[in-house]
Amino acid sequence: QVQLVESGGGLVQPGGSLRLSCEASGIAFTFYKMAWYRQAPGKQREAVATISNSGITNYVDSVKDRFTISRVDTKRTAFLQMNNLKPEDTAVYYCNAAFDDSCLGAKYEYWGQGTQVTVSS
């Protein structure tokens, strides 16, 4: 049974910081690309940050230089360090794990349940 469990969300003031964690089970974590998505009320879900199985990272422009995605494969965990948070960062943040084996022609994708991040004074 595959599980992605997010934690670390909460209420913070503008300019504050939070660290989100995503612990995975039931998958060969080392082979998966990990990502953090977010969805605000009335808006589409967007990819915030991704990290490949080789450690290559990518960020949406709105969070670049403020957020940092990382992974510790031995702990089957991905992290999202969020600094200098802004009200527009308020959303439910979701962990995503994806694997595309072109050789085998197999694709796998899993989602966590989400964790609320609220940035407000």
PDB file of N, CA and C in Angstrom:
ATOM      1  N   GLN A   1       0.844  -1.178   0.000  1.00  0.00           N
ATOM      2  CA  GLN A   1       0.000   0.000   0.000  1.00  0.00           C
ATOM      3  C   GLN A   1       0.890   1.242   0.000  1.00  0.00           C
ATOM      4  N   VAL A   2       0.670   2.124  -0.969  1.00  0.00           N
ATOM      5  CA  VAL A   2       1.465   3.329  -1.104  1.00  0.00           C
ATOM      6  C   VAL A   2       0.894   4.434  -0.235  1.00  0.00           C
ATOM      7  N   GLN A   3       1.769   5.123   0.467  1.00  0.00           N
ATOM      8  CA  GLN A   3       1.370   6.262   1.280  1.00  0.00           C
ATOM      9  C   GLN A   3       2.375   7.390   1.140  1.00  0.00           C
ATOM     10  N   LEU A   4       1.871   8.601   0.961  1.00  0.00           N
ATOM     11  CA  LEU A   4       2.656   9.815   1.043  1.00  0.00           C
ATOM     12  C   LEU A   4       2.019  10.674   2.125  1.00  0.00           C
ATOM     13  N   VAL A   5       2.753  10.942   3.182  1.00  0.00           N
ATOM     14  CA  VAL A   5       2.210  11.654   4.326  1.00  0.00           C
ATOM     15  C   VAL A   5       2.941  12.971   4.500  1.00  0.00           C
ATOM     16  N   GLU A   6       2.207  14.076   4.324  1.00  0.00           N
ATOM     17  CA  GLU A   6       2.773  15.406   4.490  1.00  0.00           C
ATOM     18  C   GLU A   6       2.613  15.878   5.927  1.00  0.00           C
ATOM     19  N   SER A   7       3.537  16.722   6.348  1.00  0.00           N
ATOM     20  CA  SER A   7       3.454  17.346   7.654  1.00  0.00           C
ATOM     21  C   SER A   7       4.219  18.663   7.624  1.00  0.00           C
ATOM     22  N   GLY A   8       3.987  19.498   8.623  1.00  0.00           N
ATOM     23  CA  GLY A   8       4.733  20.735   8.761  1.00  0.00           C
ATOM     24  C   GLY A   8       3.976  21.995   8.405  1.00  0.00           C
ATOM     25  N   GLY A   9       2.758  21.863   7.908  1.00  0.00           N
ATOM     26  CA  GLY A   9       1.975  23.042   7.582  1.00  0.00           C
ATOM     27  C   GLY A   9       1.492  23.749   8.827  1.00  0.00           C
ATOM     28  N   GLY A  10       0.940  24.940   8.628  1.00  0.00           N
ATOM     29  CA  GLY A  10       0.442  25.704   9.748  1.00  0.00           C
ATOM     30  C   GLY A  10       0.196  27.145   9.387  1.00  0.00           C
ATOM     31  N   LEU A  11       0.000  27.960  10.419  1.00  0.00           N
ATOM     32  CA  LEU A  11      -0.255  29.384  10.271  1.00  0.00           C
ATOM     33  C   LEU A  11       1.004  30.163  10.623  1.00  0.00           C
ATOM     34  N   VAL A  12       1.434  31.022   9.711  1.00  0.00           N
ATOM     35  CA  VAL A  12       2.610  31.857   9.945  1.00  0.00           C
ATOM     36  C   VAL A  12       2.339  33.273   9.471  1.00  0.00           C
ATOM     37  N   GLN A  13       3.085  34.214  10.013  1.00  0.00           N
ATOM     38  CA  GLN A  13       2.988  35.601   9.590  1.00  0.00           C
ATOM     39  C   GLN A  13       3.811  35.838   8.328  1.00  0.00           C
ATOM     40  N   PRO A  14       3.458  36.846   7.547  1.00  0.00           N
ATOM     41  CA  PRO A  14       4.279  37.178   6.379  1.00  0.00           C
ATOM     42  C   PRO A  14       5.737  37.362   6.774  1.00  0.00           C
ATOM     43  N   GLY A  15       6.624  36.805   5.958  1.00  0.00           N
ATOM     44  CA  GLY A  15       8.043  36.845   6.249  1.00  0.00           C
ATOM     45  C   GLY A  15       8.539  35.670   7.060  1.00  0.00           C
ATOM     46  N   GLY A  16       7.633  34.855   7.559  1.00  0.00           N
ATOM     47  CA  GLY A  16       8.000  33.699   8.347  1.00  0.00           C
ATOM     48  C   GLY A  16       8.422  32.520   7.497  1.00  0.00           C
ATOM     49  N   SER A  17       8.743  31.417   8.173  1.00  0.00           N
ATOM     50  CA  SER A  17       9.240  30.218   7.499  1.00  0.00           C
ATOM     51  C   SER A  17       8.512  28.975   7.980  1.00  0.00           C
ATOM     52  N   LEU A  18       8.420  27.996   7.098  1.00  0.00           N
ATOM     53  CA  LEU A  18       7.898  26.682   7.412  1.00  0.00           C
ATOM     54  C   LEU A  18       8.708  25.640   6.662  1.00  0.00           C
ATOM     55  N   ARG A  19       8.775  24.444   7.218  1.00  0.00           N
ATOM     56  CA  ARG A  19       9.419  23.323   6.553  1.00  0.00           C
ATOM     57  C   ARG A  19       8.418  22.187   6.438  1.00  0.00           C
ATOM     58  N   LEU A  20       8.081  21.825   5.214  1.00  0.00           N
ATOM     59  CA  LEU A  20       7.172  20.727   4.963  1.00  0.00           C
ATOM     60  C   LEU A  20       7.951  19.434   4.758  1.00  0.00           C
ATOM     61  N   SER A  21       7.370  18.334   5.219  1.00  0.00           N
ATOM     62  CA  SER A  21       7.972  17.022   5.039  1.00  0.00           C
ATOM     63  C   SER A  21       6.986  16.094   4.350  1.00  0.00           C
ATOM     64  N   CYS A  22       7.501  15.186   3.556  1.00  0.00           N
ATOM     65  CA  CYS A  22       6.698  14.171   2.884  1.00  0.00           C
ATOM     66  C   CYS A  22       7.407  12.840   3.042  1.00  0.00           C
ATOM     67  N   GLU A  23       6.829  11.965   3.842  1.00  0.00           N
ATOM     68  CA  GLU A  23       7.404  10.645   4.061  1.00  0.00           C
ATOM     69  C   GLU A  23       6.647   9.616   3.233  1.00  0.00           C
ATOM     70  N   ALA A  24       7.375   8.862   2.427  1.00  0.00           N
ATOM     71  CA  ALA A  24       6.775   7.897   1.525  1.00  0.00           C
ATOM     72  C   ALA A  24       6.981   6.477   2.026  1.00  0.00           C
ATOM     73  N   SER A  25       6.026   5.622   1.698  1.00  0.00           N
ATOM     74  CA  SER A  25       6.141   4.202   1.974  1.00  0.00           C
ATOM     75  C   SER A  25       5.461   3.430   0.853  1.00  0.00           C
ATOM     76  N   GLY A  26       5.906   2.208   0.633  1.00  0.00           N
ATOM     77  CA  GLY A  26       5.292   1.367  -0.379  1.00  0.00           C
ATOM     78  C   GLY A  26       5.798   1.584  -1.798  1.00  0.00           C
ATOM     79  N   ILE A  27       6.832   2.411  -1.974  1.00  0.00           N
ATOM     80  CA  ILE A  27       7.416   2.642  -3.294  1.00  0.00           C
ATOM     81  C   ILE A  27       8.933   2.539  -3.210  1.00  0.00           C
ATOM     82  N   ALA A  28       9.545   2.297  -4.365  1.00  0.00           N
ATOM     83  CA  ALA A  28      11.003   2.352  -4.455  1.00  0.00           C
ATOM     84  C   ALA A  28      11.395   3.815  -4.577  1.00  0.00           C
ATOM     85  N   PHE A  29      11.502   4.464  -3.436  1.00  0.00           N
ATOM     86  CA  PHE A  29      11.631   5.916  -3.378  1.00  0.00           C
ATOM     87  C   PHE A  29      12.776   6.448  -4.237  1.00  0.00           C
ATOM     88  N   THR A  30      13.880   5.761  -4.265  1.00  0.00           N
ATOM     89  CA  THR A  30      15.065   6.221  -4.972  1.00  0.00           C
ATOM     90  C   THR A  30      14.803   6.488  -6.451  1.00  0.00           C
ATOM     91  N   PHE A  31      13.866   5.782  -7.055  1.00  0.00           N
ATOM     92  CA  PHE A  31      13.612   5.896  -8.485  1.00  0.00           C
ATOM     93  C   PHE A  31      12.608   6.989  -8.838  1.00  0.00           C
ATOM     94  N   TYR A  32      11.984   7.614  -7.853  1.00  0.00           N
ATOM     95  CA  TYR A  32      10.893   8.541  -8.106  1.00  0.00           C
ATOM     96  C   TYR A  32      11.345   9.991  -8.141  1.00  0.00           C
ATOM     97  N   LYS A  33      10.716  10.742  -9.030  1.00  0.00           N
ATOM     98  CA  LYS A  33      10.813  12.192  -9.016  1.00  0.00           C
ATOM     99  C   LYS A  33       9.810  12.714  -7.993  1.00  0.00           C
ATOM    100  N   MET A  34      10.271  13.562  -7.096  1.00  0.00           N
ATOM    101  CA  MET A  34       9.412  14.113  -6.058  1.00  0.00           C
ATOM    102  C   MET A  34       9.067  15.560  -6.385  1.00  0.00           C
ATOM    103  N   ALA A  35       7.880  15.963  -5.970  1.00  0.00           N
ATOM    104  CA  ALA A  35       7.434  17.317  -6.254  1.00  0.00           C
ATOM    105  C   ALA A  35       6.486  17.800  -5.178  1.00  0.00           C
ATOM    106  N   TRP A  36       6.434  19.111  -5.037  1.00  0.00           N
ATOM    107  CA  TRP A  36       5.430  19.765  -4.201  1.00  0.00           C
ATOM    108  C   TRP A  36       4.530  20.594  -5.100  1.00  0.00           C
ATOM    109  N   TYR A  37       3.232  20.390  -4.954  1.00  0.00           N
ATOM    110  CA  TYR A  37       2.214  21.179  -5.622  1.00  0.00           C
ATOM    111  C   TYR A  37       1.441  21.968  -4.578  1.00  0.00           C
ATOM    112  N   ARG A  38       0.728  22.980  -5.031  1.00  0.00           N
ATOM    113  CA  ARG A  38      -0.151  23.704  -4.129  1.00  0.00           C
ATOM    114  C   ARG A  38      -1.414  24.121  -4.866  1.00  0.00           C
ATOM    115  N   GLN A  39      -2.484  24.275  -4.109  1.00  0.00           N
ATOM    116  CA  GLN A  39      -3.745  24.690  -4.671  1.00  0.00           C
ATOM    117  C   GLN A  39      -4.440  25.647  -3.718  1.00  0.00           C
ATOM    118  N   ALA A  40      -4.662  26.862  -4.187  1.00  0.00           N
ATOM    119  CA  ALA A  40      -5.383  27.864  -3.429  1.00  0.00           C
ATOM    120  C   ALA A  40      -6.849  27.841  -3.847  1.00  0.00           C
ATOM    121  N   PRO A  41      -7.748  28.305  -2.974  1.00  0.00           N
ATOM    122  CA  PRO A  41      -9.174  28.318  -3.313  1.00  0.00           C
ATOM    123  C   PRO A  41      -9.447  29.055  -4.616  1.00  0.00           C
ATOM    124  N   GLY A  42     -10.197  28.426  -5.510  1.00  0.00           N
ATOM    125  CA  GLY A  42     -10.549  29.042  -6.769  1.00  0.00           C
ATOM    126  C   GLY A  42      -9.462  29.033  -7.824  1.00  0.00           C
ATOM    127  N   LYS A  43      -8.338  28.401  -7.533  1.00  0.00           N
ATOM    128  CA  LYS A  43      -7.236  28.362  -8.476  1.00  0.00           C
ATOM    129  C   LYS A  43      -6.860  26.922  -8.805  1.00  0.00           C
ATOM    130  N   GLN A  44      -6.190  26.747  -9.930  1.00  0.00           N
ATOM    131  CA  GLN A  44      -5.731  25.430 -10.336  1.00  0.00           C
ATOM    132  C   GLN A  44      -4.520  25.003  -9.510  1.00  0.00           C
ATOM    133  N   ARG A  45      -4.364  23.704  -9.379  1.00  0.00           N
ATOM    134  CA  ARG A  45      -3.193  23.179  -8.715  1.00  0.00           C
ATOM    135  C   ARG A  45      -1.961  23.449  -9.575  1.00  0.00           C
ATOM    136  N   GLU A  46      -0.891  23.915  -8.938  1.00  0.00           N
ATOM    137  CA  GLU A  46       0.326  24.222  -9.664  1.00  0.00           C
ATOM    138  C   GLU A  46       1.522  23.536  -9.022  1.00  0.00           C
ATOM    139  N   ALA A  47       2.471  23.172  -9.852  1.00  0.00           N
ATOM    140  CA  ALA A  47       3.724  22.612  -9.363  1.00  0.00           C
ATOM    141  C   ALA A  47       4.583  23.738  -8.811  1.00  0.00           C
ATOM    142  N   VAL A  48       5.034  23.582  -7.584  1.00  0.00           N
ATOM    143  CA  VAL A  48       5.855  24.588  -6.924  1.00  0.00           C
ATOM    144  C   VAL A  48       7.333  24.274  -7.076  1.00  0.00           C
ATOM    145  N   ALA A  49       7.692  23.028  -6.827  1.00  0.00           N
ATOM    146  CA  ALA A  49       9.091  22.616  -6.872  1.00  0.00           C
ATOM    147  C   ALA A  49       9.178  21.139  -7.179  1.00  0.00           C
ATOM    148  N   THR A  50      10.219  20.752  -7.905  1.00  0.00           N
ATOM    149  CA  THR A  50      10.457  19.351  -8.221  1.00  0.00           C
ATOM    150  C   THR A  50      11.918  19.013  -7.969  1.00  0.00           C
ATOM    151  N   ILE A  51      12.156  17.749  -7.684  1.00  0.00           N
ATOM    152  CA  ILE A  51      13.523  17.258  -7.545  1.00  0.00           C
ATOM    153  C   ILE A  51      13.590  15.860  -8.140  1.00  0.00           C
ATOM    154  N   SER A  52      14.523  15.656  -9.052  1.00  0.00           N
ATOM    155  CA  SER A  52      14.671  14.373  -9.710  1.00  0.00           C
ATOM    156  C   SER A  52      15.372  13.379  -8.796  1.00  0.00           C
ATOM    157  N   ASN A  53      15.430  12.130  -9.255  1.00  0.00           N
ATOM    158  CA  ASN A  53      16.109  11.116  -8.455  1.00  0.00           C
ATOM    159  C   ASN A  53      17.617  11.337  -8.409  1.00  0.00           C
ATOM    160  N   SER A  54      18.134  12.195  -9.292  1.00  0.00           N
ATOM    161  CA  SER A  54      19.545  12.537  -9.273  1.00  0.00           C
ATOM    162  C   SER A  54      19.822  13.871  -8.579  1.00  0.00           C
ATOM    163  N   GLY A  55      18.779  14.507  -8.043  1.00  0.00           N
ATOM    164  CA  GLY A  55      18.960  15.724  -7.276  1.00  0.00           C
ATOM    165  C   GLY A  55      18.794  17.020  -8.044  1.00  0.00           C
ATOM    166  N   ILE A  56      18.367  16.951  -9.299  1.00  0.00           N
ATOM    167  CA  ILE A  56      18.142  18.161 -10.086  1.00  0.00           C
ATOM    168  C   ILE A  56      16.832  18.807  -9.653  1.00  0.00           C
ATOM    169  N   THR A  57      16.874  20.101  -9.358  1.00  0.00           N
ATOM    170  CA  THR A  57      15.702  20.808  -8.852  1.00  0.00           C
ATOM    171  C   THR A  57      15.176  21.820  -9.849  1.00  0.00           C
ATOM    172  N   ASN A  58      13.895  22.145  -9.695  1.00  0.00           N
ATOM    173  CA  ASN A  58      13.252  23.155 -10.516  1.00  0.00           C
ATOM    174  C   ASN A  58      12.170  23.819  -9.683  1.00  0.00           C
ATOM    175  N   TYR A  59      11.938  25.122  -9.923  1.00  0.00           N
ATOM    176  CA  TYR A  59      10.984  25.889  -9.142  1.00  0.00           C
ATOM    177  C   TYR A  59      10.138  26.770 -10.036  1.00  0.00           C
ATOM    178  N   VAL A  60       8.907  26.991  -9.609  1.00  0.00           N
ATOM    179  CA  VAL A  60       8.092  27.987 -10.268  1.00  0.00           C
ATOM    180  C   VAL A  60       8.663  29.365  -9.924  1.00  0.00           C
ATOM    181  N   ASP A  61       8.569  30.299 -10.852  1.00  0.00           N
ATOM    182  CA  ASP A  61       9.223  31.596 -10.685  1.00  0.00           C
ATOM    183  C   ASP A  61       8.807  32.317  -9.406  1.00  0.00           C
ATOM    184  N   SER A  62       7.566  32.162  -8.999  1.00  0.00           N
ATOM    185  CA  SER A  62       7.060  32.902  -7.858  1.00  0.00           C
ATOM    186  C   SER A  62       7.689  32.496  -6.529  1.00  0.00           C
ATOM    187  N   VAL A  63       8.325  31.330  -6.468  1.00  0.00           N
ATOM    188  CA  VAL A  63       8.934  30.872  -5.217  1.00  0.00           C
ATOM    189  C   VAL A  63      10.441  30.732  -5.319  1.00  0.00           C
ATOM    190  N   LYS A  64      10.987  30.923  -6.497  1.00  0.00           N
ATOM    191  CA  LYS A  64      12.424  30.778  -6.678  1.00  0.00           C
ATOM    192  C   LYS A  64      13.169  31.746  -5.760  1.00  0.00           C
ATOM    193  N   ASP A  65      14.222  31.265  -5.138  1.00  0.00           N
ATOM    194  CA  ASP A  65      15.056  32.009  -4.188  1.00  0.00           C
ATOM    195  C   ASP A  65      14.420  32.139  -2.807  1.00  0.00           C
ATOM    196  N   ARG A  66      13.211  31.618  -2.640  1.00  0.00           N
ATOM    197  CA  ARG A  66      12.575  31.603  -1.330  1.00  0.00           C
ATOM    198  C   ARG A  66      12.359  30.178  -0.815  1.00  0.00           C
ATOM    199  N   PHE A  67      12.047  29.250  -1.723  1.00  0.00           N
ATOM    200  CA  PHE A  67      11.777  27.862  -1.358  1.00  0.00           C
ATOM    201  C   PHE A  67      12.936  26.971  -1.787  1.00  0.00           C
ATOM    202  N   THR A  68      13.146  25.887  -1.047  1.00  0.00           N
ATOM    203  CA  THR A  68      14.163  24.907  -1.388  1.00  0.00           C
ATOM    204  C   THR A  68      13.603  23.506  -1.209  1.00  0.00           C
ATOM    205  N   ILE A  69      13.649  22.705  -2.266  1.00  0.00           N
ATOM    206  CA  ILE A  69      13.213  21.318  -2.189  1.00  0.00           C
ATOM    207  C   ILE A  69      14.443  20.429  -2.022  1.00  0.00           C
ATOM    208  N   SER A  70      14.302  19.385  -1.229  1.00  0.00           N
ATOM    209  CA  SER A  70      15.393  18.452  -1.009  1.00  0.00           C
ATOM    210  C   SER A  70      14.824  17.068  -0.745  1.00  0.00           C
ATOM    211  N   ARG A  71      15.700  16.072  -0.726  1.00  0.00           N
ATOM    212  CA  ARG A  71      15.256  14.710  -0.450  1.00  0.00           C
ATOM    213  C   ARG A  71      16.353  13.949   0.272  1.00  0.00           C
ATOM    214  N   VAL A  72      15.945  13.022   1.117  1.00  0.00           N
ATOM    215  CA  VAL A  72      16.852  12.109   1.797  1.00  0.00           C
ATOM    216  C   VAL A  72      16.337  10.712   1.510  1.00  0.00           C
ATOM    217  N   ASP A  73      16.956  10.051   0.557  1.00  0.00           N
ATOM    218  CA  ASP A  73      16.438   8.775   0.072  1.00  0.00           C
ATOM    219  C   ASP A  73      16.468   7.690   1.145  1.00  0.00           C
ATOM    220  N   THR A  74      17.470   7.722   2.007  1.00  0.00           N
ATOM    221  CA  THR A  74      17.549   6.716   3.055  1.00  0.00           C
ATOM    222  C   THR A  74      16.391   6.819   4.028  1.00  0.00           C
ATOM    223  N   LYS A  75      15.775   7.981   4.131  1.00  0.00           N
ATOM    224  CA  LYS A  75      14.622   8.183   4.994  1.00  0.00           C
ATOM    225  C   LYS A  75      13.315   8.231   4.215  1.00  0.00           C
ATOM    226  N   ARG A  76      13.388   8.023   2.906  1.00  0.00           N
ATOM    227  CA  ARG A  76      12.201   8.051   2.046  1.00  0.00           C
ATOM    228  C   ARG A  76      11.395   9.328   2.245  1.00  0.00           C
ATOM    229  N   THR A  77      12.093  10.448   2.332  1.00  0.00           N
ATOM    230  CA  THR A  77      11.444  11.704   2.680  1.00  0.00           C
ATOM    231  C   THR A  77      11.894  12.839   1.771  1.00  0.00           C
ATOM    232  N   ALA A  78      10.926  13.655   1.354  1.00  0.00           N
ATOM    233  CA  ALA A  78      11.197  14.891   0.641  1.00  0.00           C
ATOM    234  C   ALA A  78      10.806  16.068   1.519  1.00  0.00           C
ATOM    235  N   PHE A  79      11.493  17.185   1.344  1.00  0.00           N
ATOM    236  CA  PHE A  79      11.266  18.367   2.154  1.00  0.00           C
ATOM    237  C   PHE A  79      11.033  19.582   1.267  1.00  0.00           C
ATOM    238  N   LEU A  80      10.334  20.553   1.812  1.00  0.00           N
ATOM    239  CA  LEU A  80      10.198  21.855   1.178  1.00  0.00           C
ATOM    240  C   LEU A  80      10.411  22.918   2.241  1.00  0.00           C
ATOM    241  N   GLN A  81      11.562  23.562   2.182  1.00  0.00           N
ATOM    242  CA  GLN A  81      11.855  24.670   3.081  1.00  0.00           C
ATOM    243  C   GLN A  81      11.306  25.945   2.465  1.00  0.00           C
ATOM    244  N   MET A  82      10.432  26.623   3.180  1.00  0.00           N
ATOM    245  CA  MET A  82       9.776  27.820   2.675  1.00  0.00           C
ATOM    246  C   MET A  82      10.167  29.001   3.557  1.00  0.00           C
ATOM    247  N   ASN A  83      10.858  29.961   2.967  1.00  0.00           N
ATOM    248  CA  ASN A  83      11.295  31.158   3.671  1.00  0.00           C
ATOM    249  C   ASN A  83      10.625  32.394   3.089  1.00  0.00           C
ATOM    250  N   ASN A  84      10.605  33.454   3.885  1.00  0.00           N
ATOM    251  CA  ASN A  84      10.011  34.723   3.460  1.00  0.00           C
ATOM    252  C   ASN A  84       8.624  34.511   2.859  1.00  0.00           C
ATOM    253  N   LEU A  85       7.787  33.828   3.596  1.00  0.00           N
ATOM    254  CA  LEU A  85       6.455  33.498   3.098  1.00  0.00           C
ATOM    255  C   LEU A  85       5.602  34.740   2.902  1.00  0.00           C
ATOM    256  N   LYS A  86       4.770  34.678   1.874  1.00  0.00           N
ATOM    257  CA  LYS A  86       3.881  35.768   1.512  1.00  0.00           C
ATOM    258  C   LYS A  86       2.435  35.302   1.567  1.00  0.00           C
ATOM    259  N   PRO A  87       1.487  36.221   1.748  1.00  0.00           N
ATOM    260  CA  PRO A  87       0.077  35.811   1.782  1.00  0.00           C
ATOM    261  C   PRO A  87      -0.344  35.005   0.558  1.00  0.00           C
ATOM    262  N   GLU A  88       0.208  35.310  -0.601  1.00  0.00           N
ATOM    263  CA  GLU A  88      -0.144  34.580  -1.809  1.00  0.00           C
ATOM    264  C   GLU A  88       0.379  33.146  -1.828  1.00  0.00           C
ATOM    265  N   ASP A  89       1.205  32.784  -0.852  1.00  0.00           N
ATOM    266  CA  ASP A  89       1.647  31.401  -0.714  1.00  0.00           C
ATOM    267  C   ASP A  89       0.604  30.533  -0.013  1.00  0.00           C
ATOM    268  N   THR A  90      -0.424  31.151   0.524  1.00  0.00           N
ATOM    269  CA  THR A  90      -1.468  30.411   1.222  1.00  0.00           C
ATOM    270  C   THR A  90      -2.138  29.415   0.287  1.00  0.00           C
ATOM    271  N   ALA A  91      -2.144  28.149   0.675  1.00  0.00           N
ATOM    272  CA  ALA A  91      -2.699  27.083  -0.153  1.00  0.00           C
ATOM    273  C   ALA A  91      -2.589  25.762   0.598  1.00  0.00           C
ATOM    274  N   VAL A  92      -3.223  24.746   0.034  1.00  0.00           N
ATOM    275  CA  VAL A  92      -2.973  23.384   0.470  1.00  0.00           C
ATOM    276  C   VAL A  92      -1.810  22.856  -0.347  1.00  0.00           C
ATOM    277  N   TYR A  93      -0.800  22.357   0.326  1.00  0.00           N
ATOM    278  CA  TYR A  93       0.390  21.854  -0.337  1.00  0.00           C
ATOM    279  C   TYR A  93       0.354  20.333  -0.384  1.00  0.00           C
ATOM    280  N   TYR A  94       0.594  19.783  -1.582  1.00  0.00           N
ATOM    281  CA  TYR A  94       0.516  18.353  -1.807  1.00  0.00           C
ATOM    282  C   TYR A  94       1.863  17.795  -2.233  1.00  0.00           C
ATOM    283  N   CYS A  95       2.197  16.653  -1.696  1.00  0.00           N
ATOM    284  CA  CYS A  95       3.381  15.916  -2.107  1.00  0.00           C
ATOM    285  C   CYS A  95       3.030  14.995  -3.268  1.00  0.00           C
ATOM    286  N   ASN A  96       3.924  14.899  -4.240  1.00  0.00           N
ATOM    287  CA  ASN A  96       3.714  14.067  -5.411  1.00  0.00           C
ATOM    288  C   ASN A  96       4.960  13.234  -5.684  1.00  0.00           C
ATOM    289  N   ALA A  97       4.747  11.975  -6.019  1.00  0.00           N
ATOM    290  CA  ALA A  97       5.827  11.082  -6.413  1.00  0.00           C
ATOM    291  C   ALA A  97       5.493  10.493  -7.765  1.00  0.00           C
ATOM    292  N   ALA A  98       6.426  10.554  -8.713  1.00  0.00           N
ATOM    293  CA  ALA A  98       6.171  10.092 -10.067  1.00  0.00           C
ATOM    294  C   ALA A  98       7.350   9.295 -10.590  1.00  0.00           C
ATOM    295  N   PHE A  99       7.029   8.222 -11.319  1.00  0.00           N
ATOM    296  CA  PHE A  99       8.041   7.365 -11.925  1.00  0.00           C
ATOM    297  C   PHE A  99       7.610   7.017 -13.340  1.00  0.00           C
ATOM    298  N   ASP A 100       8.490   7.244 -14.287  1.00  0.00           N
ATOM    299  CA  ASP A 100       8.227   6.955 -15.689  1.00  0.00           C
ATOM    300  C   ASP A 100       9.348   6.084 -16.215  1.00  0.00           C
ATOM    301  N   ASP A 101       9.075   4.805 -16.374  1.00  0.00           N
ATOM    302  CA  ASP A 101      10.067   3.863 -16.876  1.00  0.00           C
ATOM    303  C   ASP A 101       9.793   3.652 -18.358  1.00  0.00           C
ATOM    304  N   SER A 102      10.503   4.395 -19.196  1.00  0.00           N
ATOM    305  CA  SER A 102      10.280   4.304 -20.634  1.00  0.00           C
ATOM    306  C   SER A 102      10.687   2.944 -21.197  1.00  0.00           C
ATOM    307  N   CYS A 103      11.643   2.309 -20.565  1.00  0.00           N
ATOM    308  CA  CYS A 103      12.087   0.988 -21.021  1.00  0.00           C
ATOM    309  C   CYS A 103      10.993  -0.054 -20.836  1.00  0.00           C
ATOM    310  N   LEU A 104      10.355  -0.016 -19.677  1.00  0.00           N
ATOM    311  CA  LEU A 104       9.287  -0.956 -19.377  1.00  0.00           C
ATOM    312  C   LEU A 104       7.921  -0.466 -19.844  1.00  0.00           C
ATOM    313  N   GLY A 105       7.836   0.807 -20.217  1.00  0.00           N
ATOM    314  CA  GLY A 105       6.565   1.375 -20.617  1.00  0.00           C
ATOM    315  C   GLY A 105       5.586   1.506 -19.472  1.00  0.00           C
ATOM    316  N   ALA A 106       6.097   1.777 -18.289  1.00  0.00           N
ATOM    317  CA  ALA A 106       5.267   1.887 -17.094  1.00  0.00           C
ATOM    318  C   ALA A 106       5.337   3.297 -16.521  1.00  0.00           C
ATOM    319  N   LYS A 107       4.196   3.779 -16.024  1.00  0.00           N
ATOM    320  CA  LYS A 107       4.110   5.075 -15.370  1.00  0.00           C
ATOM    321  C   LYS A 107       3.367   4.929 -14.051  1.00  0.00           C
ATOM    322  N   TYR A 108       3.893   5.577 -13.033  1.00  0.00           N
ATOM    323  CA  TYR A 108       3.282   5.532 -11.713  1.00  0.00           C
ATOM    324  C   TYR A 108       3.281   6.932 -11.123  1.00  0.00           C
ATOM    325  N   GLU A 109       2.189   7.291 -10.450  1.00  0.00           N
ATOM    326  CA  GLU A 109       2.095   8.596  -9.814  1.00  0.00           C
ATOM    327  C   GLU A 109       1.228   8.490  -8.565  1.00  0.00           C
ATOM    328  N   TYR A 110       1.682   9.123  -7.493  1.00  0.00           N
ATOM    329  CA  TYR A 110       0.971   9.071  -6.227  1.00  0.00           C
ATOM    330  C   TYR A 110       0.926  10.451  -5.596  1.00  0.00           C
ATOM    331  N   TRP A 111      -0.108  10.673  -4.779  1.00  0.00           N
ATOM    332  CA  TRP A 111      -0.330  11.953  -4.122  1.00  0.00           C
ATOM    333  C   TRP A 111      -0.555  11.782  -2.633  1.00  0.00           C
ATOM    334  N   GLY A 112      -0.092  12.766  -1.881  1.00  0.00           N
ATOM    335  CA  GLY A 112      -0.431  12.832  -0.477  1.00  0.00           C
ATOM    336  C   GLY A 112      -1.773  13.516  -0.281  1.00  0.00           C
ATOM    337  N   GLN A 113      -2.228  13.566   0.961  1.00  0.00           N
ATOM    338  CA  GLN A 113      -3.522  14.156   1.271  1.00  0.00           C
ATOM    339  C   GLN A 113      -3.480  15.676   1.375  1.00  0.00           C
ATOM    340  N   GLY A 114      -2.306  16.249   1.507  1.00  0.00           N
ATOM    341  CA  GLY A 114      -2.155  17.690   1.560  1.00  0.00           C
ATOM    342  C   GLY A 114      -2.013  18.219   2.974  1.00  0.00           C
ATOM    343  N   THR A 115      -1.351  19.353   3.091  1.00  0.00           N
ATOM    344  CA  THR A 115      -1.206  20.044   4.363  1.00  0.00           C
ATOM    345  C   THR A 115      -1.433  21.534   4.139  1.00  0.00           C
ATOM    346  N   GLN A 116      -2.197  22.150   5.024  1.00  0.00           N
ATOM    347  CA  GLN A 116      -2.583  23.546   4.868  1.00  0.00           C
ATOM    348  C   GLN A 116      -1.460  24.476   5.303  1.00  0.00           C
ATOM    349  N   VAL A 117      -1.164  25.445   4.450  1.00  0.00           N
ATOM    350  CA  VAL A 117      -0.230  26.520   4.782  1.00  0.00           C
ATOM    351  C   VAL A 117      -0.992  27.834   4.675  1.00  0.00           C
ATOM    352  N   THR A 118      -1.044  28.572   5.768  1.00  0.00           N
ATOM    353  CA  THR A 118      -1.738  29.851   5.794  1.00  0.00           C
ATOM    354  C   THR A 118      -0.767  30.939   6.218  1.00  0.00           C
ATOM    355  N   VAL A 119      -0.630  31.959   5.392  1.00  0.00           N
ATOM    356  CA  VAL A 119       0.264  33.083   5.673  1.00  0.00           C
ATOM    357  C   VAL A 119      -0.602  34.314   5.879  1.00  0.00           C
ATOM    358  N   SER A 120      -0.666  34.782   7.106  1.00  0.00           N
ATOM    359  CA  SER A 120      -1.556  35.890   7.442  1.00  0.00           C
ATOM    360  C   SER A 120      -1.056  36.600   8.689  1.00  0.00           C
ATOM    361  N   SER A 121      -1.309  37.904   8.744  1.00  0.00           N
ATOM    362  CA  SER A 121      -0.975  38.681   9.925  1.00  0.00           C
ATOM    363  C   SER A 121      -2.101  38.667  10.942  1.00  0.00           C
TER     364      SER A 121
END
